[in-house]
N, C-alpha and C. Protein backbone atom coordinates (compact mmCIF):
# COMPACT_ATOMS: atom_id res chain seq x y z
N MET A 1 142.14 -203.97 -127.63
CA MET A 1 143.03 -204.48 -127.39
C MET A 1 144.16 -203.58 -126.72
N LYS A 2 144.93 -204.28 -125.32
CA LYS A 2 145.79 -202.96 -125.05
C LYS A 2 147.22 -203.65 -125.63
N THR A 3 148.17 -202.24 -125.62
CA THR A 3 149.85 -202.63 -126.05
C THR A 3 150.68 -202.53 -125.08
N VAL A 4 151.43 -203.18 -125.45
CA VAL A 4 152.87 -202.99 -124.71
C VAL A 4 153.63 -201.80 -125.03
N ASP A 5 153.72 -200.94 -124.46
CA ASP A 5 154.56 -199.61 -124.88
C ASP A 5 156.19 -199.64 -124.23
N SER A 6 156.59 -200.72 -123.45
CA SER A 6 157.58 -200.46 -123.34
C SER A 6 158.52 -202.00 -123.27
N PRO A 7 159.78 -201.76 -123.91
CA PRO A 7 160.34 -203.17 -124.43
C PRO A 7 160.60 -203.77 -123.25
N ALA A 8 161.25 -203.42 -122.30
CA ALA A 8 161.46 -204.24 -121.28
C ALA A 8 160.45 -205.23 -120.76
N VAL A 9 158.86 -204.25 -120.57
CA VAL A 9 157.77 -205.09 -119.96
C VAL A 9 157.58 -206.42 -120.87
N LEU A 10 157.77 -205.80 -122.22
CA LEU A 10 157.26 -207.23 -123.06
C LEU A 10 158.60 -208.29 -123.01
N LEU A 11 159.55 -207.93 -122.87
CA LEU A 11 160.59 -208.91 -122.42
C LEU A 11 160.60 -209.70 -121.26
N ILE A 12 160.16 -209.02 -120.06
CA ILE A 12 159.90 -209.84 -119.16
C ILE A 12 158.65 -210.71 -119.14
N LEU A 13 157.49 -210.10 -119.89
CA LEU A 13 156.48 -211.25 -120.10
C LEU A 13 156.56 -212.09 -121.08
N THR A 14 157.42 -211.95 -122.00
CA THR A 14 157.91 -212.82 -123.24
C THR A 14 158.81 -213.98 -122.24
N GLY A 15 159.91 -213.71 -121.75
CA GLY A 15 160.32 -214.64 -120.69
C GLY A 15 159.94 -215.47 -119.39
N ALA A 16 158.96 -214.89 -119.20
CA ALA A 16 157.86 -215.57 -118.12
C ALA A 16 157.25 -216.50 -118.92
N LEU A 17 156.55 -216.19 -119.86
CA LEU A 17 155.92 -216.94 -120.74
C LEU A 17 156.33 -218.40 -121.30
N LEU A 18 158.05 -217.97 -122.02
CA LEU A 18 158.86 -219.03 -122.27
C LEU A 18 159.51 -219.68 -120.89
N GLN A 19 159.33 -219.52 -119.98
CA GLN A 19 159.82 -220.29 -119.24
C GLN A 19 158.70 -221.27 -118.45
N SER A 20 157.39 -220.53 -118.35
CA SER A 20 156.32 -221.42 -118.07
C SER A 20 156.03 -222.36 -119.08
N VAL A 21 156.16 -222.34 -120.27
CA VAL A 21 155.94 -223.29 -121.04
C VAL A 21 156.92 -224.31 -121.28
N GLY A 22 158.28 -223.95 -121.25
CA GLY A 22 159.16 -224.81 -121.78
C GLY A 22 160.12 -225.16 -120.50
N GLY A 23 159.82 -224.21 -119.28
CA GLY A 23 161.01 -224.61 -117.99
C GLY A 23 162.22 -223.72 -118.44
N PRO A 24 163.37 -223.57 -117.39
CA PRO A 24 164.49 -222.84 -117.27
C PRO A 24 165.47 -223.38 -118.42
N THR A 25 165.39 -224.68 -118.79
CA THR A 25 166.52 -225.12 -119.74
C THR A 25 166.04 -224.99 -120.97
N TYR A 26 164.96 -224.92 -121.36
CA TYR A 26 164.29 -223.99 -122.95
C TYR A 26 164.93 -222.61 -122.98
N LEU A 27 164.78 -221.91 -121.79
CA LEU A 27 164.72 -220.26 -121.85
C LEU A 27 166.21 -220.10 -121.63
N SER A 28 166.88 -220.85 -121.35
CA SER A 28 168.42 -220.65 -121.37
C SER A 28 169.17 -221.06 -122.95
N GLN A 29 168.20 -221.55 -123.39
CA GLN A 29 169.19 -221.49 -125.07
C GLN A 29 168.75 -220.50 -125.85
N ILE A 30 167.47 -219.73 -125.34
CA ILE A 30 167.30 -218.35 -126.48
C ILE A 30 168.40 -217.93 -127.05
N GLY A 31 169.46 -217.38 -125.91
CA GLY A 31 170.76 -217.19 -126.21
C GLY A 31 171.36 -217.48 -127.68
N TYR A 32 171.60 -219.07 -127.36
CA TYR A 32 172.18 -219.66 -128.62
C TYR A 32 171.63 -219.48 -129.90
N VAL A 33 169.94 -219.79 -129.71
CA VAL A 33 169.46 -219.90 -130.84
C VAL A 33 169.72 -218.56 -131.55
N ALA A 34 169.76 -216.94 -130.91
CA ALA A 34 169.80 -215.76 -131.12
C ALA A 34 170.84 -215.96 -131.41
N ALA A 35 171.64 -216.29 -132.01
CA ALA A 35 173.65 -216.20 -131.96
C ALA A 35 173.52 -216.81 -133.68
N ALA A 36 172.87 -217.42 -133.82
CA ALA A 36 172.79 -218.54 -134.85
C ALA A 36 171.86 -217.83 -135.82
N VAL A 37 170.43 -217.36 -135.32
CA VAL A 37 169.93 -216.76 -136.44
C VAL A 37 170.61 -215.39 -136.82
N ALA A 38 171.02 -214.56 -136.49
CA ALA A 38 172.06 -213.35 -136.41
C ALA A 38 172.63 -213.90 -137.16
N LEU A 39 173.59 -215.04 -136.98
CA LEU A 39 174.79 -215.61 -137.91
C LEU A 39 173.80 -215.73 -139.76
N LEU A 40 173.08 -216.35 -139.39
CA LEU A 40 172.12 -216.43 -140.48
C LEU A 40 171.97 -215.45 -141.24
N CYS A 41 171.21 -214.43 -140.38
CA CYS A 41 170.51 -212.92 -140.84
C CYS A 41 171.78 -211.81 -141.42
N GLY A 42 172.97 -212.07 -140.94
CA GLY A 42 173.79 -211.32 -141.46
C GLY A 42 174.46 -211.76 -142.40
N THR A 43 174.45 -213.08 -142.96
CA THR A 43 174.56 -213.67 -144.22
C THR A 43 173.82 -213.46 -145.72
N LEU A 44 172.18 -213.33 -144.79
CA LEU A 44 171.56 -213.01 -146.09
C LEU A 44 171.15 -211.66 -145.98
N VAL A 45 170.90 -211.26 -144.85
CA VAL A 45 170.77 -209.75 -145.50
C VAL A 45 171.79 -208.80 -145.41
N PHE A 46 173.02 -208.93 -144.62
CA PHE A 46 174.16 -208.21 -145.22
C PHE A 46 175.20 -208.66 -146.12
N SER A 47 175.14 -209.63 -146.85
CA SER A 47 175.89 -210.40 -147.31
C SER A 47 177.42 -210.77 -147.05
N GLU A 48 177.21 -210.88 -145.17
CA GLU A 48 178.43 -211.27 -144.98
C GLU A 48 179.49 -212.53 -144.69
N ARG A 49 180.15 -212.78 -144.56
CA ARG A 49 181.03 -213.82 -144.99
C ARG A 49 181.54 -214.12 -143.59
N TYR A 50 181.60 -215.90 -143.34
CA TYR A 50 182.19 -216.32 -142.09
C TYR A 50 183.07 -217.24 -142.77
N SER A 51 183.68 -217.92 -141.73
CA SER A 51 184.55 -219.31 -141.79
C SER A 51 183.56 -220.29 -141.69
N LEU A 52 184.22 -221.64 -142.11
CA LEU A 52 183.47 -222.61 -141.86
C LEU A 52 183.83 -223.38 -140.55
N LEU A 53 184.50 -222.64 -140.00
CA LEU A 53 184.10 -223.17 -138.48
C LEU A 53 183.23 -222.44 -137.52
N THR A 54 182.96 -221.25 -138.07
CA THR A 54 181.43 -220.47 -137.37
C THR A 54 180.06 -221.73 -138.30
N TRP A 55 180.51 -221.81 -139.27
CA TRP A 55 179.20 -222.26 -139.72
C TRP A 55 178.84 -223.98 -138.93
N PHE A 56 180.48 -224.48 -138.69
CA PHE A 56 180.23 -225.66 -137.97
C PHE A 56 179.67 -225.31 -136.40
N GLY A 57 180.06 -224.28 -136.02
CA GLY A 57 179.71 -223.83 -134.19
C GLY A 57 178.39 -224.11 -134.61
N ALA A 58 177.59 -223.17 -135.59
CA ALA A 58 176.07 -222.85 -135.50
C ALA A 58 175.74 -224.28 -135.78
N ALA A 59 176.25 -225.18 -136.37
CA ALA A 59 175.34 -226.78 -136.66
C ALA A 59 175.70 -227.25 -135.27
N VAL A 60 176.65 -226.92 -134.38
CA VAL A 60 176.43 -227.76 -133.17
C VAL A 60 175.38 -227.30 -132.33
N ILE A 61 175.26 -225.84 -132.27
CA ILE A 61 174.13 -225.16 -131.37
C ILE A 61 172.87 -226.26 -132.15
N VAL A 62 172.06 -226.39 -133.04
CA VAL A 62 171.19 -226.75 -133.54
C VAL A 62 171.24 -228.14 -133.20
N VAL A 63 172.23 -228.96 -133.39
CA VAL A 63 172.06 -230.61 -132.67
C VAL A 63 171.82 -230.42 -131.29
N ALA A 64 172.76 -229.51 -130.52
CA ALA A 64 172.72 -229.45 -129.27
C ALA A 64 170.97 -229.15 -128.48
N ILE A 65 170.58 -228.23 -129.32
CA ILE A 65 169.07 -228.10 -129.39
C ILE A 65 167.95 -229.08 -129.52
N VAL A 66 168.20 -229.52 -130.56
CA VAL A 66 167.70 -230.82 -130.72
C VAL A 66 167.70 -231.90 -130.15
N VAL A 67 168.77 -232.34 -129.62
CA VAL A 67 168.96 -233.44 -128.23
C VAL A 67 168.18 -233.05 -126.98
N SER A 68 168.32 -231.42 -127.18
CA SER A 68 167.90 -231.06 -125.54
C SER A 68 166.11 -231.20 -125.46
N VAL A 69 165.45 -230.81 -126.71
CA VAL A 69 164.22 -231.01 -126.61
C VAL A 69 163.89 -232.12 -126.65
N ARG A 70 164.70 -233.21 -127.76
CA ARG A 70 164.18 -234.59 -127.52
C ARG A 70 163.87 -234.99 -126.35
N ALA A 71 165.17 -234.69 -125.68
CA ALA A 71 165.38 -235.37 -123.94
C ALA A 71 164.19 -234.48 -123.09
N GLN A 72 163.53 -233.54 -123.22
CA GLN A 72 162.82 -233.21 -122.54
C GLN A 72 160.98 -233.62 -123.05
N ARG A 73 161.16 -233.99 -124.41
CA ARG A 73 160.10 -234.17 -124.43
C ARG A 73 159.54 -235.87 -124.18
N SER A 74 160.75 -236.59 -124.31
CA SER A 74 161.05 -238.31 -123.49
C SER A 74 160.02 -238.56 -122.42
N PRO A 75 159.69 -239.37 -121.97
CA PRO A 75 158.88 -239.67 -120.63
C PRO A 75 160.16 -240.27 -120.01
N GLN A 76 160.32 -239.81 -118.58
CA GLN A 76 161.10 -240.32 -117.62
C GLN A 76 161.17 -241.46 -116.98
N ARG A 77 162.34 -242.14 -117.55
CA ARG A 77 163.05 -243.36 -116.66
C ARG A 77 162.96 -243.21 -115.43
N THR A 78 162.11 -244.86 -114.60
CA THR A 78 162.48 -245.05 -113.29
C THR A 78 162.99 -246.19 -113.42
N GLU A 79 163.76 -246.48 -112.38
CA GLU A 79 164.78 -247.80 -112.27
C GLU A 79 164.55 -247.85 -111.02
């Protein structure tokens, strides 16, 4: 089995795979998800403390992603 030695090559391949599976909208949401995951990891791993407003922002990100994924999965209406 071949391995990928360069992080840049891995990033490009992963981005291409995600875009082919989910499209550009799905791929553009990765940054928002990464921010929310980093917030959670900072709290759990490094015992960081964040304000209630920051957690509210993370909740808004989660809700927006759920709405977006549901909209992409639903059949398109034609009028």
